[in-house]
C-alpha atoms as a PDB file:
ATOM      1  CA  MET A   1     164.859-198.938-170.933  1.00  0.00           C
ATOM      2  CA  ALA A   2     166.279-202.261-171.991  1.00  0.00           C
ATOM      3  CA  ALA A   3     168.105-204.369-169.421  1.00  0.00           C
ATOM      4  CA  PRO A   4     171.890-204.270-169.835  1.00  0.00           C
ATOM      5  CA  THR A   5     173.563-207.305-171.309  1.00  0.00           C
ATOM      6  CA  MET A   6     175.616-209.032-168.647  1.00  0.00           C
ATOM      7  CA  ASN A   7     177.210-212.346-169.480  1.00  0.00           C
ATOM      8  CA  ARG A   8     177.567-213.513-165.921  1.00  0.00           C
ATOM      9  CA  ALA A   9     176.133-216.509-164.158  1.00  0.00           C
ATOM     10  CA  GLY A  10     176.680-218.197-160.818  1.00  0.00           C
ATOM     11  CA  SER A  11     180.008-219.231-159.410  1.00  0.00           C
ATOM     12  CA  ASP A  12     179.920-222.628-161.168  1.00  0.00           C
ATOM     13  CA  SER A  13     178.941-223.066-164.788  1.00  0.00           C
ATOM     14  CA  GLY A  14     177.071-226.233-163.865  1.00  0.00           C
ATOM     15  CA  ASP A  15     174.759-224.423-161.419  1.00  0.00           C
ATOM     16  CA  SER A  16     171.045-224.220-162.157  1.00  0.00           C
ATOM     17  CA  ALA A  17     170.007-220.854-163.616  1.00  0.00           C
ATOM     18  CA  VAL A  18     167.448-220.380-160.824  1.00  0.00           C
ATOM     19  CA  GLN A  19     168.700-220.881-157.282  1.00  0.00           C
ATOM     20  CA  THR A  20     167.160-220.153-153.892  1.00  0.00           C
ATOM     21  CA  LEU A  21     169.574-217.760-152.212  1.00  0.00           C
ATOM     22  CA  THR A  22     169.747-215.485-149.211  1.00  0.00           C
ATOM     23  CA  ILE A  23     170.678-211.860-149.795  1.00  0.00           C
ATOM     24  CA  SER A  24     174.082-212.520-148.215  1.00  0.00           C
ATOM     25  CA  LYS A  25     174.798-215.472-150.511  1.00  0.00           C
ATOM     26  CA  ALA A  26     173.511-213.554-153.536  1.00  0.00           C
ATOM     27  CA  LEU A  27     175.906-210.703-152.747  1.00  0.00           C
ATOM     28  CA  ASN A  28     178.752-213.179-152.334  1.00  0.00           C
ATOM     29  CA  MET A  29     177.975-214.778-155.688  1.00  0.00           C
ATOM     30  CA  GLY A  30     177.593-211.394-157.366  1.00  0.00           C
ATOM     31  CA  LEU A  31     180.972-210.251-156.084  1.00  0.00           C
ATOM     32  CA  ARG A  32     182.518-213.522-157.221  1.00  0.00           C
ATOM     33  CA  ALA A  33     180.994-213.153-160.692  1.00  0.00           C
ATOM     34  CA  ALA A  34     182.344-209.601-160.973  1.00  0.00           C
ATOM     35  CA  MET A  35     185.844-210.706-159.957  1.00  0.00           C
ATOM     36  CA  GLU A  36     185.787-213.581-162.435  1.00  0.00           C
ATOM     37  CA  ALA A  37     184.655-211.279-165.237  1.00  0.00           C
ATOM     38  CA  ASN A  38     187.197-208.497-164.641  1.00  0.00           C
ATOM     39  CA  PRO A  39     190.673-208.949-163.116  1.00  0.00           C
ATOM     40  CA  LYS A  40     190.705-205.242-162.217  1.00  0.00           C
ATOM     41  CA  VAL A  41     187.973-205.773-159.601  1.00  0.00           C
ATOM     42  CA  LEU A  42     189.342-206.081-156.073  1.00  0.00           C
ATOM     43  CA  MET A  43     187.936-205.996-152.544  1.00  0.00           C
ATOM     44  CA  MET A  44     189.112-203.989-149.538  1.00  0.00           C
ATOM     45  CA  GLY A  45     187.866-203.900-145.967  1.00  0.00           C
ATOM     46  CA  GLU A  46     188.252-204.830-142.330  1.00  0.00           C
ATOM     47  CA  ASP A  47     188.327-208.609-141.772  1.00  0.00           C
ATOM     48  CA  ILE A  48     186.922-209.349-145.232  1.00  0.00           C
ATOM     49  CA  GLY A  49     189.669-211.815-146.151  1.00  0.00           C
ATOM     50  CA  LYS A  50     190.227-214.834-143.917  1.00  0.00           C
ATOM     51  CA  LEU A  51     187.131-214.086-141.844  1.00  0.00           C
ATOM     52  CA  GLY A  52     184.944-213.251-144.835  1.00  0.00           C
ATOM     53  CA  GLY A  53     183.592-210.105-143.163  1.00  0.00           C
ATOM     54  CA  VAL A  54     181.466-209.866-140.036  1.00  0.00           C
ATOM     55  CA  PHE A  55     178.427-210.898-142.092  1.00  0.00           C
ATOM     56  CA  ARG A  56     180.436-213.385-144.217  1.00  0.00           C
ATOM     57  CA  ILE A  57     179.543-211.572-147.455  1.00  0.00           C
ATOM     58  CA  THR A  58     183.081-212.047-148.804  1.00  0.00           C
ATOM     59  CA  ASP A  59     183.444-215.589-147.483  1.00  0.00           C
ATOM     60  CA  GLY A  60     185.832-217.665-149.614  1.00  0.00           C
ATOM     61  CA  LEU A  61     186.842-214.851-151.956  1.00  0.00           C
ATOM     62  CA  GLN A  62     190.350-214.341-150.582  1.00  0.00           C
ATOM     63  CA  LYS A  63     190.958-218.075-150.662  1.00  0.00           C
ATOM     64  CA  ASP A  64     189.993-218.251-154.344  1.00  0.00           C
ATOM     65  CA  PHE A  65     191.336-214.917-155.636  1.00  0.00           C
ATOM     66  CA  GLY A  66     194.303-214.321-153.333  1.00  0.00           C
ATOM     67  CA  GLU A  67     195.412-211.625-150.929  1.00  0.00           C
ATOM     68  CA  GLN A  68     196.314-209.235-153.752  1.00  0.00           C
ATOM     69  CA  ARG A  69     192.651-208.949-154.785  1.00  0.00           C
ATOM     70  CA  VAL A  70     190.873-209.389-151.433  1.00  0.00           C
ATOM     71  CA  LEU A  71     192.702-207.179-148.959  1.00  0.00           C
ATOM     72  CA  ASP A  72     192.338-207.139-145.187  1.00  0.00           C
ATOM     73  CA  THR A  73     192.855-203.511-144.186  1.00  0.00           C
ATOM     74  CA  PRO A  74     193.584-201.694-140.933  1.00  0.00           C
ATOM     75  CA  LEU A  75     190.659-200.273-138.963  1.00  0.00           C
ATOM     76  CA  ALA A  76     190.824-196.991-140.871  1.00  0.00           C
ATOM     77  CA  GLU A  77     187.893-196.122-143.118  1.00  0.00           C
ATOM     78  CA  SER A  78     189.545-192.939-144.371  1.00  0.00           C
ATOM     79  CA  GLY A  79     192.556-194.998-145.415  1.00  0.00           C
ATOM     80  CA  ILE A  80     190.372-197.613-147.114  1.00  0.00           C
ATOM     81  CA  ILE A  81     188.495-195.009-149.161  1.00  0.00           C
ATOM     82  CA  GLY A  82     191.592-192.961-149.938  1.00  0.00           C
ATOM     83  CA  THR A  83     193.478-196.008-151.166  1.00  0.00           C
ATOM     84  CA  ALA A  84     190.507-196.998-153.301  1.00  0.00           C
ATOM     85  CA  VAL A  85     190.481-193.552-154.910  1.00  0.00           C
ATOM     86  CA  GLY A  86     194.084-194.012-155.999  1.00  0.00           C
ATOM     87  CA  LEU A  87     193.374-197.510-157.330  1.00  0.00           C
ATOM     88  CA  ALA A  88     190.326-196.325-159.257  1.00  0.00           C
ATOM     89  CA  ILE A  89     192.359-193.551-160.900  1.00  0.00           C
ATOM     90  CA  ARG A  90     194.874-196.198-161.986  1.00  0.00           C
ATOM     91  CA  GLY A  91     192.204-198.271-163.716  1.00  0.00           C
ATOM     92  CA  TYR A  92     191.106-200.692-161.012  1.00  0.00           C
ATOM     93  CA  ARG A  93     187.529-201.165-159.806  1.00  0.00           C
ATOM     94  CA  PRO A  94     187.823-201.352-156.001  1.00  0.00           C
ATOM     95  CA  VAL A  95     184.945-202.503-153.824  1.00  0.00           C
ATOM     96  CA  CYS A  96     185.246-201.198-150.260  1.00  0.00           C
ATOM     97  CA  GLU A  97     183.341-202.757-147.382  1.00  0.00           C
ATOM     98  CA  ILE A  98     182.374-200.495-144.486  1.00  0.00           C
ATOM     99  CA  GLN A  99     181.881-202.952-141.649  1.00  0.00           C
ATOM    100  CA  PHE A 100     178.822-201.203-140.182  1.00  0.00           C
ATOM    101  CA  ASP A 101     176.828-198.123-141.239  1.00  0.00           C
ATOM    102  CA  GLY A 102     178.032-195.945-138.366  1.00  0.00           C
ATOM    103  CA  PHE A 103     181.665-196.643-139.213  1.00  0.00           C
ATOM    104  CA  ILE A 104     181.414-194.749-142.506  1.00  0.00           C
ATOM    105  CA  PHE A 105     181.899-191.350-140.885  1.00  0.00           C
ATOM    106  CA  PRO A 106     185.699-191.553-140.455  1.00  0.00           C
ATOM    107  CA  GLY A 107     185.744-191.848-144.256  1.00  0.00           C
ATOM    108  CA  PHE A 108     183.132-189.107-144.793  1.00  0.00           C
ATOM    109  CA  ASP A 109     185.672-186.459-145.821  1.00  0.00           C
ATOM    110  CA  GLN A 110     187.222-188.751-148.411  1.00  0.00           C
ATOM    111  CA  ILE A 111     183.814-189.686-149.831  1.00  0.00           C
ATOM    112  CA  VAL A 112     182.379-186.166-150.013  1.00  0.00           C
ATOM    113  CA  SER A 113     185.556-184.190-150.789  1.00  0.00           C
ATOM    114  CA  GLN A 114     187.356-186.645-153.103  1.00  0.00           C
ATOM    115  CA  VAL A 115     185.175-189.514-154.319  1.00  0.00           C
ATOM    116  CA  ALA A 116     182.208-187.315-155.214  1.00  0.00           C
ATOM    117  CA  LYS A 117     184.190-184.512-156.860  1.00  0.00           C
ATOM    118  CA  LEU A 118     187.198-185.945-158.678  1.00  0.00           C
ATOM    119  CA  HIS A 119     185.440-186.640-161.983  1.00  0.00           C
ATOM    120  CA  TYR A 120     184.048-183.086-162.040  1.00  0.00           C
ATOM    121  CA  ARG A 121     187.280-181.512-160.808  1.00  0.00           C
ATOM    122  CA  THR A 122     189.292-183.126-163.613  1.00  0.00           C
ATOM    123  CA  GLN A 123     186.737-182.067-166.263  1.00  0.00           C
ATOM    124  CA  GLY A 124     185.880-185.705-166.924  1.00  0.00           C
ATOM    125  CA  LYS A 125     189.458-186.894-167.425  1.00  0.00           C
ATOM    126  CA  ASN A 126     189.422-189.137-164.361  1.00  0.00           C
ATOM    127  CA  LYS A 127     186.529-191.512-163.800  1.00  0.00           C
ATOM    128  CA  LEU A 128     186.135-193.089-160.382  1.00  0.00           C
ATOM    129  CA  PRO A 129     184.637-196.580-160.811  1.00  0.00           C
ATOM    130  CA  MET A 130     184.455-197.675-157.185  1.00  0.00           C
ATOM    131  CA  VAL A 131     181.782-199.197-154.954  1.00  0.00           C
ATOM    132  CA  ILE A 132     181.396-198.606-151.231  1.00  0.00           C
ATOM    133  CA  ARG A 133     179.331-201.372-149.618  1.00  0.00           C
ATOM    134  CA  VAL A 134     177.469-200.335-146.453  1.00  0.00           C
ATOM    135  CA  PRO A 135     175.408-202.746-144.322  1.00  0.00           C
ATOM    136  CA  PHE A 136     172.775-200.380-142.907  1.00  0.00           C
ATOM    137  CA  GLY A 137     169.672-200.178-140.753  1.00  0.00           C
ATOM    138  CA  GLY A 138     168.579-201.616-137.438  1.00  0.00           C
ATOM    139  CA  GLY A 139     166.687-204.637-136.244  1.00  0.00           C
ATOM    140  CA  ILE A 140     169.654-206.828-135.263  1.00  0.00           C
ATOM    141  CA  GLY A 141     169.805-205.976-131.554  1.00  0.00           C
ATOM    142  CA  ALA A 142     173.015-203.947-131.828  1.00  0.00           C
ATOM    143  CA  VAL A 143     174.183-200.563-130.555  1.00  0.00           C
ATOM    144  CA  GLU A 144     173.727-197.253-132.348  1.00  0.00           C
ATOM    145  CA  HIS A 145     176.835-197.241-134.579  1.00  0.00           C
ATOM    146  CA  HIS A 146     175.777-200.649-135.914  1.00  0.00           C
ATOM    147  CA  SER A 147     172.148-199.766-136.673  1.00  0.00           C
ATOM    148  CA  GLU A 148     171.988-196.389-138.375  1.00  0.00           C
ATOM    149  CA  SER A 149     170.595-195.214-141.732  1.00  0.00           C
ATOM    150  CA  PRO A 150     172.998-192.580-143.108  1.00  0.00           C
ATOM    151  CA  GLU A 151     171.940-192.787-146.754  1.00  0.00           C
ATOM    152  CA  SER A 152     170.433-189.267-146.880  1.00  0.00           C
ATOM    153  CA  TYR A 153     173.858-187.694-146.323  1.00  0.00           C
ATOM    154  CA  PHE A 154     175.192-189.277-149.478  1.00  0.00           C
ATOM    155  CA  ALA A 155     172.071-188.980-151.627  1.00  0.00           C
ATOM    156  CA  HIS A 156     172.386-185.230-151.002  1.00  0.00           C
ATOM    157  CA  THR A 157     175.959-185.181-152.357  1.00  0.00           C
ATOM    158  CA  ALA A 158     176.323-184.410-156.065  1.00  0.00           C
ATOM    159  CA  GLY A 159     178.701-186.811-157.805  1.00  0.00           C
ATOM    160  CA  LEU A 160     177.675-189.924-155.896  1.00  0.00           C
ATOM    161  CA  LYS A 161     175.279-192.646-156.954  1.00  0.00           C
ATOM    162  CA  VAL A 162     173.352-194.277-154.086  1.00  0.00           C
ATOM    163  CA  VAL A 163     171.430-197.547-154.357  1.00  0.00           C
ATOM    164  CA  SER A 164     169.906-200.107-151.997  1.00  0.00           C
ATOM    165  CA  CYS A 165     168.847-203.696-152.653  1.00  0.00           C
ATOM    166  CA  SER A 166     165.918-205.329-150.863  1.00  0.00           C
ATOM    167  CA  ASN A 167     165.891-208.934-152.106  1.00  0.00           C
ATOM    168  CA  PRO A 168     168.302-211.649-153.291  1.00  0.00           C
ATOM    169  CA  THR A 169     167.747-211.068-157.027  1.00  0.00           C
ATOM    170  CA  ASP A 170     168.585-207.398-156.740  1.00  0.00           C
ATOM    171  CA  ALA A 171     171.490-208.168-154.447  1.00  0.00           C
ATOM    172  CA  TYR A 172     173.024-210.523-157.017  1.00  0.00           C
ATOM    173  CA  TRP A 173     172.574-208.264-160.027  1.00  0.00           C
ATOM    174  CA  MET A 174     172.802-204.767-158.543  1.00  0.00           C
ATOM    175  CA  ILE A 175     176.234-205.361-157.007  1.00  0.00           C
ATOM    176  CA  GLN A 176     177.577-206.408-160.410  1.00  0.00           C
ATOM    177  CA  GLN A 177     175.920-203.448-162.136  1.00  0.00           C
ATOM    178  CA  ALA A 178     177.356-201.099-159.492  1.00  0.00           C
ATOM    179  CA  ILE A 179     180.853-202.488-160.089  1.00  0.00           C
ATOM    180  CA  ASP A 180     180.383-202.026-163.857  1.00  0.00           C
ATOM    181  CA  CYS A 181     179.339-198.384-163.353  1.00  0.00           C
ATOM    182  CA  ASP A 182     182.018-195.780-164.123  1.00  0.00           C
ATOM    183  CA  ASP A 183     180.726-193.505-161.340  1.00  0.00           C
ATOM    184  CA  PRO A 184     181.263-194.030-157.605  1.00  0.00           C
ATOM    185  CA  VAL A 185     178.360-195.980-156.088  1.00  0.00           C
ATOM    186  CA  LEU A 186     177.370-196.281-152.433  1.00  0.00           C
ATOM    187  CA  PHE A 187     175.686-199.653-152.115  1.00  0.00           C
ATOM    188  CA  PHE A 188     173.468-199.890-149.032  1.00  0.00           C
ATOM    189  CA  GLU A 189     172.656-203.433-147.917  1.00  0.00           C
ATOM    190  CA  PRO A 190     169.774-204.155-145.471  1.00  0.00           C
ATOM    191  CA  LYS A 191     171.674-206.137-142.869  1.00  0.00           C
ATOM    192  CA  ARG A 192     168.623-207.470-141.038  1.00  0.00           C
ATOM    193  CA  ARG A 193     167.421-208.988-144.323  1.00  0.00           C
ATOM    194  CA  TYR A 194     170.700-210.740-145.131  1.00  0.00           C
ATOM    195  CA  TYR A 195     169.293-214.192-144.440  1.00  0.00           C
ATOM    196  CA  GLU A 196     165.911-213.912-146.156  1.00  0.00           C
ATOM    197  CA  LYS A 197     165.612-216.308-149.107  1.00  0.00           C
ATOM    198  CA  ALA A 198     164.109-216.098-152.591  1.00  0.00           C
ATOM    199  CA  PRO A 199     164.666-217.680-156.032  1.00  0.00           C
ATOM    200  CA  VAL A 200     167.324-215.910-158.125  1.00  0.00           C
ATOM    201  CA  ASP A 201     167.788-216.225-161.881  1.00  0.00           C
ATOM    202  CA  THR A 202     171.537-215.879-162.375  1.00  0.00           C
ATOM    203  CA  THR A 203     171.333-215.671-166.177  1.00  0.00           C
ATOM    204  CA  LYS A 204     169.398-212.468-166.776  1.00  0.00           C
ATOM    205  CA  ALA A 205     169.485-209.087-165.055  1.00  0.00           C
ATOM    206  CA  PRO A 206     165.955-207.933-164.122  1.00  0.00           C
ATOM    207  CA  GLY A 207     166.564-204.346-165.271  1.00  0.00           C
ATOM    208  CA  PRO A 208     168.887-201.322-165.119  1.00  0.00           C
ATOM    209  CA  LEU A 209     170.590-200.321-161.885  1.00  0.00           C
ATOM    210  CA  PHE A 210     169.143-196.829-161.530  1.00  0.00           C
ATOM    211  CA  GLU A 211     165.482-197.741-161.867  1.00  0.00           C
ATOM    212  CA  SER A 212     162.686-198.171-159.319  1.00  0.00           C
ATOM    213  CA  ARG A 213     160.304-201.102-159.622  1.00  0.00           C
ATOM    214  CA  VAL A 214     156.631-201.793-158.911  1.00  0.00           C
ATOM    215  CA  LEU A 215     156.558-204.938-156.767  1.00  0.00           C
ATOM    216  CA  ARG A 216     152.839-205.242-156.097  1.00  0.00           C
ATOM    217  CA  THR A 217     149.681-204.019-157.751  1.00  0.00           C
ATOM    218  CA  ALA A 218     146.060-204.970-157.158  1.00  0.00           C
ATOM    219  CA  SER A 219     146.241-207.332-160.105  1.00  0.00           C
ATOM    220  CA  ASN A 220     149.073-209.212-158.369  1.00  0.00           C
ATOM    221  CA  SER A 221     146.775-209.912-155.432  1.00  0.00           C
ATOM    222  CA  ALA A 222     143.505-210.791-157.173  1.00  0.00           C
ATOM    223  CA  SER A 223     143.618-214.207-155.576  1.00  0.00           C
ATOM    224  CA  ALA A 224     143.130-212.540-152.200  1.00  0.00           C
ATOM    225  CA  GLY A 225     139.464-212.229-153.059  1.00  0.00           C
ATOM    226  CA  THR A 226     139.324-208.430-153.293  1.00  0.00           C
ATOM    227  CA  SER A 227     137.271-206.643-155.890  1.00  0.00           C
ATOM    228  CA  THR A 228     139.028-203.273-156.032  1.00  0.00           C
ATOM    229  CA  SER A 229     140.687-202.066-159.214  1.00  0.00           C
ATOM    230  CA  ALA A 230     144.470-201.661-159.580  1.00  0.00           C
ATOM    231  CA  GLY A 231     145.911-199.015-157.294  1.00  0.00           C
ATOM    232  CA  GLN A 232     142.509-197.850-156.009  1.00  0.00           C
ATOM    233  CA  ALA A 233     143.497-197.270-152.402  1.00  0.00           C
ATOM    234  CA  ALA A 234     147.057-196.001-151.907  1.00  0.00           C
ATOM    235  CA  THR A 235     150.677-196.264-152.943  1.00  0.00           C
ATOM    236  CA  LEU A 236     153.430-197.463-150.593  1.00  0.00           C
ATOM    237  CA  VAL A 237     157.021-196.522-151.427  1.00  0.00           C
ATOM    238  CA  GLY A 238     160.118-197.738-149.609  1.00  0.00           C
ATOM    239  CA  TYR A 239     163.586-199.182-150.082  1.00  0.00           C
ATOM    240  CA  GLY A 240     166.023-201.598-148.494  1.00  0.00           C
ATOM    241  CA  PRO A 241     164.816-203.193-145.238  1.00  0.00           C
ATOM    242  CA  MET A 242     161.419-201.475-145.373  1.00  0.00           C
ATOM    243  CA  ILE A 243     160.257-203.265-148.515  1.00  0.00           C
ATOM    244  CA  ARG A 244     159.390-206.384-146.516  1.00  0.00           C
ATOM    245  CA  VAL A 245     157.348-204.237-144.120  1.00  0.00           C
ATOM    246  CA  CYS A 246     155.533-202.574-147.051  1.00  0.00           C
ATOM    247  CA  LEU A 247     154.705-205.923-148.686  1.00  0.00           C
ATOM    248  CA  ASP A 248     153.461-207.339-145.376  1.00  0.00           C
ATOM    249  CA  ALA A 249     151.304-204.235-144.885  1.00  0.00           C
ATOM    250  CA  ALA A 250     149.859-204.600-148.388  1.00  0.00           C
ATOM    251  CA  ASN A 251     148.995-208.236-147.728  1.00  0.00           C
ATOM    252  CA  ALA A 252     147.338-207.368-144.421  1.00  0.00           C
ATOM    253  CA  ALA A 253     145.383-204.518-146.016  1.00  0.00           C
ATOM    254  CA  ALA A 254     144.195-206.784-148.835  1.00  0.00           C
ATOM    255  CA  GLU A 255     142.565-209.072-146.275  1.00  0.00           C
ATOM    256  CA  ASP A 256     140.392-206.111-145.288  1.00  0.00           C
ATOM    257  CA  GLY A 257     139.568-205.272-148.917  1.00  0.00           C
ATOM    258  CA  THR A 258     142.076-202.428-149.273  1.00  0.00           C
ATOM    259  CA  GLU A 259     144.505-202.595-152.193  1.00  0.00           C
ATOM    260  CA  LEU A 260     147.971-201.047-151.915  1.00  0.00           C
ATOM    261  CA  GLU A 261     150.547-200.691-154.655  1.00  0.00           C
ATOM    262  CA  VAL A 262     154.140-201.235-153.459  1.00  0.00           C
ATOM    263  CA  ILE A 263     157.148-199.632-155.165  1.00  0.00           C
ATOM    264  CA  ASP A 264     160.783-200.406-154.358  1.00  0.00           C
ATOM    265  CA  LEU A 265     162.881-197.312-155.050  1.00  0.00           C
ATOM    266  CA  ARG A 266     166.152-199.298-155.416  1.00  0.00           C
ATOM    267  CA  THR A 267     167.981-196.125-156.483  1.00  0.00           C
ATOM    268  CA  LEU A 268     168.142-193.237-154.005  1.00  0.00           C
ATOM    269  CA  SER A 269     170.371-190.979-156.094  1.00  0.00           C
ATOM    270  CA  PRO A 270     169.381-190.497-158.804  1.00  0.00           C
ATOM    271  CA  LEU A 271     165.756-191.006-157.771  1.00  0.00           C
ATOM    272  CA  ASP A 272     163.581-192.708-160.376  1.00  0.00           C
ATOM    273  CA  LEU A 273     160.125-191.414-159.476  1.00  0.00           C
ATOM    274  CA  GLY A 274     158.344-192.026-162.783  1.00  0.00           C
ATOM    275  CA  PRO A 275     156.636-195.212-161.514  1.00  0.00           C
ATOM    276  CA  VAL A 276     155.738-193.393-158.283  1.00  0.00           C
ATOM    277  CA  TYR A 277     154.092-190.532-160.192  1.00  0.00           C
ATOM    278  CA  ASP A 278     152.166-192.993-162.355  1.00  0.00           C
ATOM    279  CA  SER A 279     150.936-194.884-159.309  1.00  0.00           C
ATOM    280  CA  VAL A 280     149.954-191.764-157.350  1.00  0.00           C
ATOM    281  CA  ARG A 281     147.985-190.448-160.330  1.00  0.00           C
ATOM    282  CA  ARG A 282     145.924-193.657-160.102  1.00  0.00           C
ATOM    283  CA  THR A 283     145.601-193.943-156.337  1.00  0.00           C
ATOM    284  CA  GLY A 284     145.616-190.306-155.221  1.00  0.00           C
ATOM    285  CA  ARG A 285     147.439-191.257-152.014  1.00  0.00           C
ATOM    286  CA  LEU A 286     151.059-191.911-151.040  1.00  0.00           C
ATOM    287  CA  VAL A 287     152.780-193.256-147.931  1.00  0.00           C
ATOM    288  CA  VAL A 288     156.608-193.269-147.937  1.00  0.00           C
ATOM    289  CA  VAL A 289     158.425-195.595-145.533  1.00  0.00           C
ATOM    290  CA  SER A 290     162.048-195.449-144.328  1.00  0.00           C
ATOM    291  CA  GLU A 291     164.065-196.270-141.208  1.00  0.00           C
ATOM    292  CA  ALA A 292     165.971-192.991-141.479  1.00  0.00           C
ATOM    293  CA  PRO A 293     164.794-189.986-139.433  1.00  0.00           C
ATOM    294  CA  SER A 294     162.248-187.858-141.299  1.00  0.00           C
ATOM    295  CA  GLU A 295     163.931-184.459-141.059  1.00  0.00           C
ATOM    296  CA  SER A 296     165.669-183.458-144.339  1.00  0.00           C
ATOM    297  CA  SER A 297     165.548-187.024-145.616  1.00  0.00           C
ATOM    298  CA  ILE A 298     164.951-188.956-148.835  1.00  0.00           C
ATOM    299  CA  THR A 299     161.306-189.271-147.777  1.00  0.00           C
ATOM    300  CA  SER A 300     161.127-185.462-147.604  1.00  0.00           C
ATOM    301  CA  GLU A 301     162.415-185.186-151.178  1.00  0.00           C
ATOM    302  CA  ILE A 302     159.919-187.744-152.447  1.00  0.00           C
ATOM    303  CA  ALA A 303     157.042-185.957-150.716  1.00  0.00           C
ATOM    304  CA  ALA A 304     158.104-182.608-152.210  1.00  0.00           C
ATOM    305  CA  LYS A 305     158.498-183.945-155.742  1.00  0.00           C
ATOM    306  CA  VAL A 306     155.229-185.892-155.711  1.00  0.00           C
ATOM    307  CA  GLN A 307     153.390-182.812-154.465  1.00  0.00           C
ATOM    308  CA  GLN A 308     154.992-180.817-157.263  1.00  0.00           C
ATOM    309  CA  GLU A 309     154.292-183.302-160.058  1.00  0.00           C
ATOM    310  CA  CYS A 310     150.993-184.857-158.915  1.00  0.00           C
ATOM    311  CA  PHE A 311     149.300-181.986-157.061  1.00  0.00           C
ATOM    312  CA  TYR A 312     145.938-182.280-158.816  1.00  0.00           C
ATOM    313  CA  SER A 313     145.877-186.074-158.424  1.00  0.00           C
ATOM    314  CA  LEU A 314     146.422-186.123-154.658  1.00  0.00           C
ATOM    315  CA  GLN A 315     143.387-186.784-152.502  1.00  0.00           C
ATOM    316  CA  ALA A 316     145.371-186.591-149.259  1.00  0.00           C
ATOM    317  CA  PRO A 317     148.737-185.184-148.136  1.00  0.00           C
ATOM    318  CA  VAL A 318     151.786-187.367-148.688  1.00  0.00           C
ATOM    319  CA  LEU A 319     152.396-189.153-145.379  1.00  0.00           C
ATOM    320  CA  ARG A 320     155.697-190.535-144.108  1.00  0.00           C
ATOM    321  CA  VAL A 321     156.478-193.400-141.737  1.00  0.00           C
ATOM    322  CA  THR A 322     160.084-193.139-140.576  1.00  0.00           C
ATOM    323  CA  GLY A 323     162.501-193.524-137.722  1.00  0.00           C
ATOM    324  CA  PHE A 324     162.328-190.748-135.167  1.00  0.00           C
ATOM    325  CA  ASP A 325     164.493-187.620-135.134  1.00  0.00           C
ATOM    326  CA  THR A 326     166.646-188.917-132.308  1.00  0.00           C
ATOM    327  CA  PRO A 327     169.898-190.860-132.131  1.00  0.00           C
ATOM    328  CA  TYR A 328     169.325-194.588-132.567  1.00  0.00           C
ATOM    329  CA  PRO A 329     168.090-196.019-129.248  1.00  0.00           C
ATOM    330  CA  PRO A 330     169.412-198.924-127.151  1.00  0.00           C
ATOM    331  CA  SER A 331     168.572-202.276-128.698  1.00  0.00           C
ATOM    332  CA  LYS A 332     165.790-203.028-126.183  1.00  0.00           C
ATOM    333  CA  LEU A 333     163.905-200.001-127.560  1.00  0.00           C
ATOM    334  CA  GLU A 334     164.657-200.356-131.266  1.00  0.00           C
ATOM    335  CA  GLU A 335     161.336-202.012-132.121  1.00  0.00           C
ATOM    336  CA  GLU A 336     159.639-198.864-130.830  1.00  0.00           C
ATOM    337  CA  PHE A 337     161.880-196.774-133.094  1.00  0.00           C
ATOM    338  CA  LEU A 338     161.650-198.741-136.333  1.00  0.00           C
ATOM    339  CA  PRO A 339     158.641-198.459-138.661  1.00  0.00           C
ATOM    340  CA  ASP A 340     156.539-201.609-138.454  1.00  0.00           C
ATOM    341  CA  LEU A 341     153.361-203.091-139.890  1.00  0.00           C
ATOM    342  CA  ASP A 342     151.059-201.257-137.471  1.00  0.00           C
ATOM    343  CA  ARG A 343     152.611-197.845-138.082  1.00  0.00           C
ATOM    344  CA  VAL A 344     152.406-198.282-141.866  1.00  0.00           C
ATOM    345  CA  LEU A 345     148.771-199.438-141.745  1.00  0.00           C
ATOM    346  CA  HIS A 346     147.910-196.570-139.402  1.00  0.00           C
ATOM    347  CA  ALA A 347     149.347-194.117-141.960  1.00  0.00           C
ATOM    348  CA  VAL A 348     147.319-195.787-144.717  1.00  0.00           C
ATOM    349  CA  ASP A 349     144.159-195.446-142.615  1.00  0.00           C
ATOM    350  CA  ARG A 350     144.917-191.753-141.971  1.00  0.00           C
ATOM    351  CA  SER A 351     145.404-191.182-145.698  1.00  0.00           C
ATOM    352  CA  LEU A 352     142.172-192.975-146.607  1.00  0.00           C
ATOM    353  CA  ALA A 353     140.246-191.024-143.977  1.00  0.00           C
ATOM    354  CA  TRP A 354     141.389-187.633-145.249  1.00  0.00           C
END
């Protein structure tokens, strides 16, 4: 699929096309670009105006675009989402910020009963072009309602699109593509990765929104001195905050002569598993990584579909490295809960030993 044409650059026309940005700054610039390109785009959320949000993602936007387009709302997620539904029906493109992942549940009824179903209920007469931004995941030393991974709830809901960025380039472009989408999009942002930096080309989108991407193959790591062919050992699949863990695991494995292919899902609903199938047919092994609990999760769906499509290519069962099936623990225990380098490499070793 060809990349969509998007005539958007950074916040200043004089900026260099390639800039080193954090994910948080890339999101800020992407939101700014979307607001500059379309006067119907507006922001809504708790403390997103003067404060710029608790993570400062919307910093400076109210100052530059005014209180009519960057709205500080009451602490009422159901009200935020419900208001956005009305605005979307009237032709606006609202972007709602949910302050923390666990705060999305007061708006759950609106999202599942209204946002997901209105286009279908009206036989296509009413589109709902709205984005719900959700900082998600743990690793920041916070309590449970600030550290959860609720994406499986929404990926299970027909009528919703669900995506997650993992790096500054995707953050910059995916937020603009989500705002351009005529369907409602839940946009999950890995909060513990907000301040990781990388070069971003602000002149060209890297690809479509609803498409997974191979980030690492054996050929990418030939300089590591390994002699294995592309994808010989295993495939690692993840999304959001776990992509950094997967890449670190692949680098560590390469030092021991084991090559891992890493795929960033990017889109959780719809799932784009074509690159995963292609990789598994080469490697014969798959490890799926996510912070969310394993029971009835996105990792479960991936395991089921890969088994169905690649049964005769698999040399080992699909293994999963996830959070545990418990409520999120106190912050002093979260490193025991979250998947890490050792747990991922242990799963790879188990797969290779099968």
